[in-house]
Amino acid sequence: MLLIRFAFDFLSPYAYLAWQALPAIAERHGRTLQPMPVVFAALLGANGQKGPAEIPSKRIYVFKDATRTAHVLGVPLVPPPLHPFNPILALRACGLPMLDTQRNALVSALFDACWGGARRDLADPSVVADVASSIGLDGTARVTEASTEAAKARLRAQTDEALKLGAFGVPTMFVDGEMFWGYDSLGHLERRLGGIDPVDQLDLSVWSGLPAGATRRVK
C-alpha cells in the first residue's frame, strides 16, 4: 500500500489545516492517507525545543499566520477555548483499533470540534465521547478504551516511531522514506509524489559533512 503517513497532534492549528488539504493530495497521487497520532510535547522534549505557545511573540504570530492560511484554503479556523490544552485522550481515541474509514472520520470530527468553530475542549472526556458518537461510534466505550494501558502504550509507540523517523514537530508527513514538516511543506510533498523532487539531484554529503563555523551559547 502506498501511504502518506500523517503524524499529528490536535494542539496544532497547522495540523488541522494540513488535514484539510491532504485528502485531495493523496487522491491525486493514488495514495492512502494514514493518520498517526503523536504527542507533540514529547517530540519537543526529545529535541530540546519550546513549543510555539511557550514563546509569546511566536504564539501570536502562529495564530495570525494560521488564520491567513485558513482564509486561503477557504476553511474556518477558530481557536479552542483553551490553548495549550491536554490532547492525550483524543489522540489515544484515534489510535484505537477501528476501520480506516472510521479513524479518518474521527480525526476529522475531532479537528473540526477543536478548530472548526465549535470551540470544544478535547481535554474533556465527555466532549471526546460526544464527537465519537456523532460519527456513529460508541463514544462512551471509546473513551473508556482510550484510558487503558494498551491505548497509552500504542500512543507512546507511535510517538517513539515518529521520533525514530526524525520528527521534531507536527504536522509531519512521511512518504517513501522522506519526511515533510509543516503545512508549508505540502507543495514539496506533492512534488515528491509527482517525481520532481529536486532533492533527488543533491549530494547530501556536502551538507552532512559541512563544518560548523560558530557555536551558539545556550543559557
Protein backbone atom coordinates (compact mmCIF):
# COMPACT_ATOMS: atom_id res chain seq x y z
CA MET A 1 0.00 0.00 0.00
CA LEU A 2 1.38 3.42 -0.99
CA LEU A 3 0.98 5.68 2.03
CA ILE A 4 1.17 9.25 3.18
CA ARG A 5 1.65 8.89 6.94
CA PHE A 6 0.40 11.95 8.81
CA ALA A 7 1.89 12.48 12.27
CA PHE A 8 -0.31 14.97 14.10
CA ASP A 9 -1.43 16.38 17.42
CA PHE A 10 -4.74 18.21 17.85
CA LEU A 11 -2.85 21.03 19.57
CA SER A 12 -1.52 22.30 16.25
CA PRO A 13 -3.60 24.59 14.03
CA TYR A 14 -1.23 23.71 11.19
CA ALA A 15 -2.03 20.02 11.66
CA TYR A 16 -5.72 20.92 11.34
CA LEU A 17 -5.00 22.87 8.15
CA ALA A 18 -2.84 20.12 6.68
CA TRP A 19 -5.62 17.60 7.33
CA GLN A 20 -7.95 19.75 5.20
CA ALA A 21 -5.55 19.63 2.24
CA LEU A 22 -4.03 16.15 2.41
CA PRO A 23 -7.01 14.02 1.28
CA ALA A 24 -7.04 15.75 -2.12
CA ILE A 25 -3.25 15.39 -2.45
CA ALA A 26 -3.47 11.70 -1.59
CA GLU A 27 -6.25 11.15 -4.12
CA ARG A 28 -4.37 12.95 -6.91
CA HIS A 29 -1.39 10.67 -6.45
CA GLY A 30 -3.13 7.38 -5.70
CA ARG A 31 -2.00 7.31 -2.09
CA THR A 32 -3.69 6.22 1.13
CA LEU A 33 -3.66 8.82 3.88
CA GLN A 34 -2.81 7.22 7.21
CA PRO A 35 -3.23 9.34 10.36
CA MET A 36 -0.59 8.78 13.04
CA PRO A 37 -1.46 10.43 16.38
CA VAL A 38 1.63 11.50 18.32
CA VAL A 39 2.33 13.64 21.39
CA PHE A 40 3.71 17.00 20.27
CA ALA A 41 5.04 17.77 23.75
CA ALA A 42 7.09 14.56 23.68
CA LEU A 43 8.59 15.49 20.30
CA LEU A 44 9.54 18.89 21.69
CA GLY A 45 11.02 17.41 24.85
CA ALA A 46 13.08 14.83 22.98
CA ASN A 47 14.56 17.55 20.76
CA GLY A 48 15.08 20.18 23.48
CA GLN A 49 12.63 22.64 21.94
CA LYS A 50 9.95 25.03 23.14
CA GLY A 51 6.50 24.95 21.60
CA PRO A 52 5.12 28.00 19.75
CA ALA A 53 2.64 28.64 22.59
CA GLU A 54 5.56 28.91 25.03
CA ILE A 55 7.10 31.85 23.13
CA PRO A 56 4.75 34.87 23.46
CA SER A 57 5.63 36.60 20.19
CA LYS A 58 5.55 33.33 18.27
CA ARG A 59 2.21 32.38 19.85
CA ILE A 60 0.55 35.46 18.37
CA TYR A 61 2.33 35.08 15.05
CA VAL A 62 1.24 31.45 14.66
CA PHE A 63 -2.44 32.27 15.16
CA LYS A 64 -2.25 35.16 12.69
CA ASP A 65 -0.39 33.06 10.13
CA ALA A 66 -2.74 30.10 10.56
CA THR A 67 -5.74 32.42 10.12
CA ARG A 68 -4.27 33.73 6.87
CA THR A 69 -3.66 30.19 5.65
CA ALA A 70 -7.20 29.13 6.57
CA HIS A 71 -8.52 32.10 4.59
CA VAL A 72 -6.58 30.98 1.51
CA LEU A 73 -7.90 27.44 1.94
CA GLY A 74 -11.45 28.66 2.48
CA VAL A 75 -11.87 26.78 5.76
CA PRO A 76 -12.85 28.05 9.22
CA LEU A 77 -10.23 28.40 11.92
CA VAL A 78 -11.36 29.45 15.39
CA PRO A 79 -9.14 28.94 18.46
CA PRO A 80 -10.34 26.38 21.02
CA PRO A 81 -11.48 27.60 24.47
CA LEU A 82 -8.05 26.81 25.95
CA HIS A 83 -4.61 26.61 24.35
CA PRO A 84 -2.47 24.74 25.06
CA PHE A 85 -4.83 22.01 26.25
CA ASN A 86 -4.34 18.33 27.04
CA PRO A 87 -4.96 16.36 23.81
CA ILE A 88 -3.89 12.96 25.12
CA LEU A 89 -7.29 11.29 25.43
CA ALA A 90 -8.36 12.41 21.96
CA LEU A 91 -5.08 11.16 20.49
CA ARG A 92 -5.43 7.79 22.21
CA ALA A 93 -9.01 7.50 20.95
CA CYS A 94 -7.78 7.97 17.37
CA GLY A 95 -5.18 5.25 17.85
CA LEU A 96 -7.67 2.57 18.89
CA PRO A 97 -8.31 -0.40 16.59
CA MET A 98 -11.01 0.55 14.05
CA LEU A 99 -11.67 0.66 10.33
CA ASP A 100 -9.57 3.14 8.36
CA THR A 101 -12.70 5.00 7.32
CA GLN A 102 -13.78 5.30 10.95
CA ARG A 103 -10.35 6.55 12.03
CA ASN A 104 -10.28 9.21 9.33
CA ALA A 105 -13.80 10.29 10.22
CA LEU A 106 -12.90 10.53 13.91
CA VAL A 107 -9.77 12.56 13.22
CA SER A 108 -11.79 14.92 11.03
CA ALA A 109 -14.59 15.27 13.59
CA LEU A 110 -12.19 15.97 16.46
CA PHE A 111 -10.21 18.53 14.43
CA ASP A 112 -13.46 20.23 13.44
CA ALA A 113 -14.71 20.25 17.03
CA CYS A 114 -11.49 21.89 18.18
CA TRP A 115 -10.59 24.31 15.36
CA GLY A 116 -13.61 24.44 13.05
CA GLY A 117 -15.66 26.89 15.11
CA ALA A 118 -17.39 24.74 17.73
CA ARG A 119 -14.64 25.62 20.27
CA ARG A 120 -14.94 22.32 22.13
CA ASP A 121 -12.36 21.29 24.71
CA LEU A 122 -10.79 18.00 23.63
CA ALA A 123 -9.36 17.57 27.11
CA ASP A 124 -12.90 16.86 28.33
CA PRO A 125 -13.74 13.12 28.11
CA SER A 126 -17.42 13.92 27.55
CA VAL A 127 -16.53 16.00 24.51
CA VAL A 128 -14.39 13.23 23.01
CA ALA A 129 -17.21 10.74 23.65
CA ASP A 130 -19.81 13.05 22.11
CA VAL A 131 -17.69 13.66 18.99
CA ALA A 132 -17.08 9.93 18.57
CA SER A 133 -20.80 9.24 18.94
CA SER A 134 -21.60 11.91 16.32
CA ILE A 135 -19.90 9.79 13.63
CA GLY A 136 -21.62 6.57 14.65
CA LEU A 137 -19.12 5.14 17.15
CA ASP A 138 -19.90 4.19 20.74
CA GLY A 139 -18.37 7.28 22.30
CA THR A 140 -18.55 6.13 25.90
CA ALA A 141 -16.90 2.81 25.07
CA ARG A 142 -14.20 4.54 23.03
CA VAL A 143 -13.30 6.90 25.86
CA THR A 144 -13.15 4.01 28.31
CA GLU A 145 -10.92 2.02 25.96
CA ALA A 146 -8.73 5.08 25.33
CA SER A 147 -7.92 5.14 29.05
CA THR A 148 -6.50 1.59 29.09
CA GLU A 149 -2.82 0.72 29.35
CA ALA A 150 -2.94 -0.73 25.84
CA ALA A 151 -4.14 2.60 24.40
CA LYS A 152 -1.49 4.51 26.34
CA ALA A 153 1.23 2.15 25.09
CA ARG A 154 0.01 2.48 21.50
CA LEU A 155 0.29 6.28 21.58
CA ARG A 156 3.74 6.10 23.16
CA ALA A 157 4.87 3.63 20.50
CA GLN A 158 3.62 5.85 17.67
CA THR A 159 5.36 8.88 19.17
CA ASP A 160 8.59 6.90 19.57
CA GLU A 161 8.31 5.72 15.97
CA ALA A 162 7.89 9.29 14.74
CA LEU A 163 10.98 10.32 16.70
CA LYS A 164 12.99 7.46 15.20
CA LEU A 165 11.89 8.60 11.74
CA GLY A 166 13.25 12.07 12.53
CA ALA A 167 10.14 14.02 13.57
CA PHE A 168 10.59 17.12 15.70
CA GLY A 169 7.20 18.77 15.25
CA VAL A 170 3.70 18.48 13.82
CA PRO A 171 2.30 18.09 11.31
CA THR A 172 4.89 15.74 9.82
CA MET A 173 4.27 13.67 6.72
CA PHE A 174 6.28 10.58 5.85
CA VAL A 175 6.41 9.44 2.23
CA ASP A 176 8.71 6.76 0.81
CA GLY A 177 11.45 7.37 3.36
CA GLU A 178 11.25 11.17 3.11
CA MET A 179 9.94 13.48 5.83
CA PHE A 180 7.99 16.71 5.27
CA TRP A 181 7.34 19.01 8.24
CA GLY A 182 4.68 21.67 8.47
CA TYR A 183 1.73 22.80 6.41
CA ASP A 184 4.03 24.86 4.20
CA SER A 185 5.87 21.71 3.09
CA LEU A 186 2.80 20.29 1.32
CA GLY A 187 3.94 21.71 -2.01
CA HIS A 188 7.27 19.92 -1.62
CA LEU A 189 5.43 16.76 -0.63
CA GLU A 190 3.32 16.90 -3.77
CA ARG A 191 6.38 17.47 -5.95
CA ARG A 192 7.94 14.40 -4.34
CA LEU A 193 4.84 12.37 -5.15
CA GLY A 194 4.96 13.70 -8.71
CA GLY A 195 8.56 12.56 -9.19
CA ILE A 196 10.06 16.06 -9.46
CA ASP A 197 11.74 16.46 -6.07
CA PRO A 198 14.98 18.45 -6.61
CA VAL A 199 16.48 16.76 -3.53
CA ASP A 200 16.95 13.65 -5.66
CA GLN A 201 19.70 15.51 -7.52
CA LEU A 202 21.55 16.69 -4.38
CA ASP A 203 24.77 15.32 -2.98
CA LEU A 204 23.63 15.35 0.65
CA SER A 205 27.14 14.52 1.86
CA VAL A 206 28.03 18.15 1.13
CA TRP A 207 25.57 19.26 3.81
CA SER A 208 26.16 16.50 6.32
CA GLY A 209 29.92 16.99 6.16
CA LEU A 210 29.89 20.80 6.23
CA PRO A 211 31.94 22.02 9.25
CA ALA A 212 30.45 24.48 11.73
CA GLY A 213 31.98 27.95 11.86
CA ALA A 214 30.23 29.11 15.04
CA THR A 215 28.54 27.63 18.08
CA ARG A 216 25.53 29.21 19.79
CA ARG A 217 25.93 29.66 23.51
CA VAL A 218 22.91 28.15 25.28
CA LYS A 219 21.92 29.79 28.58
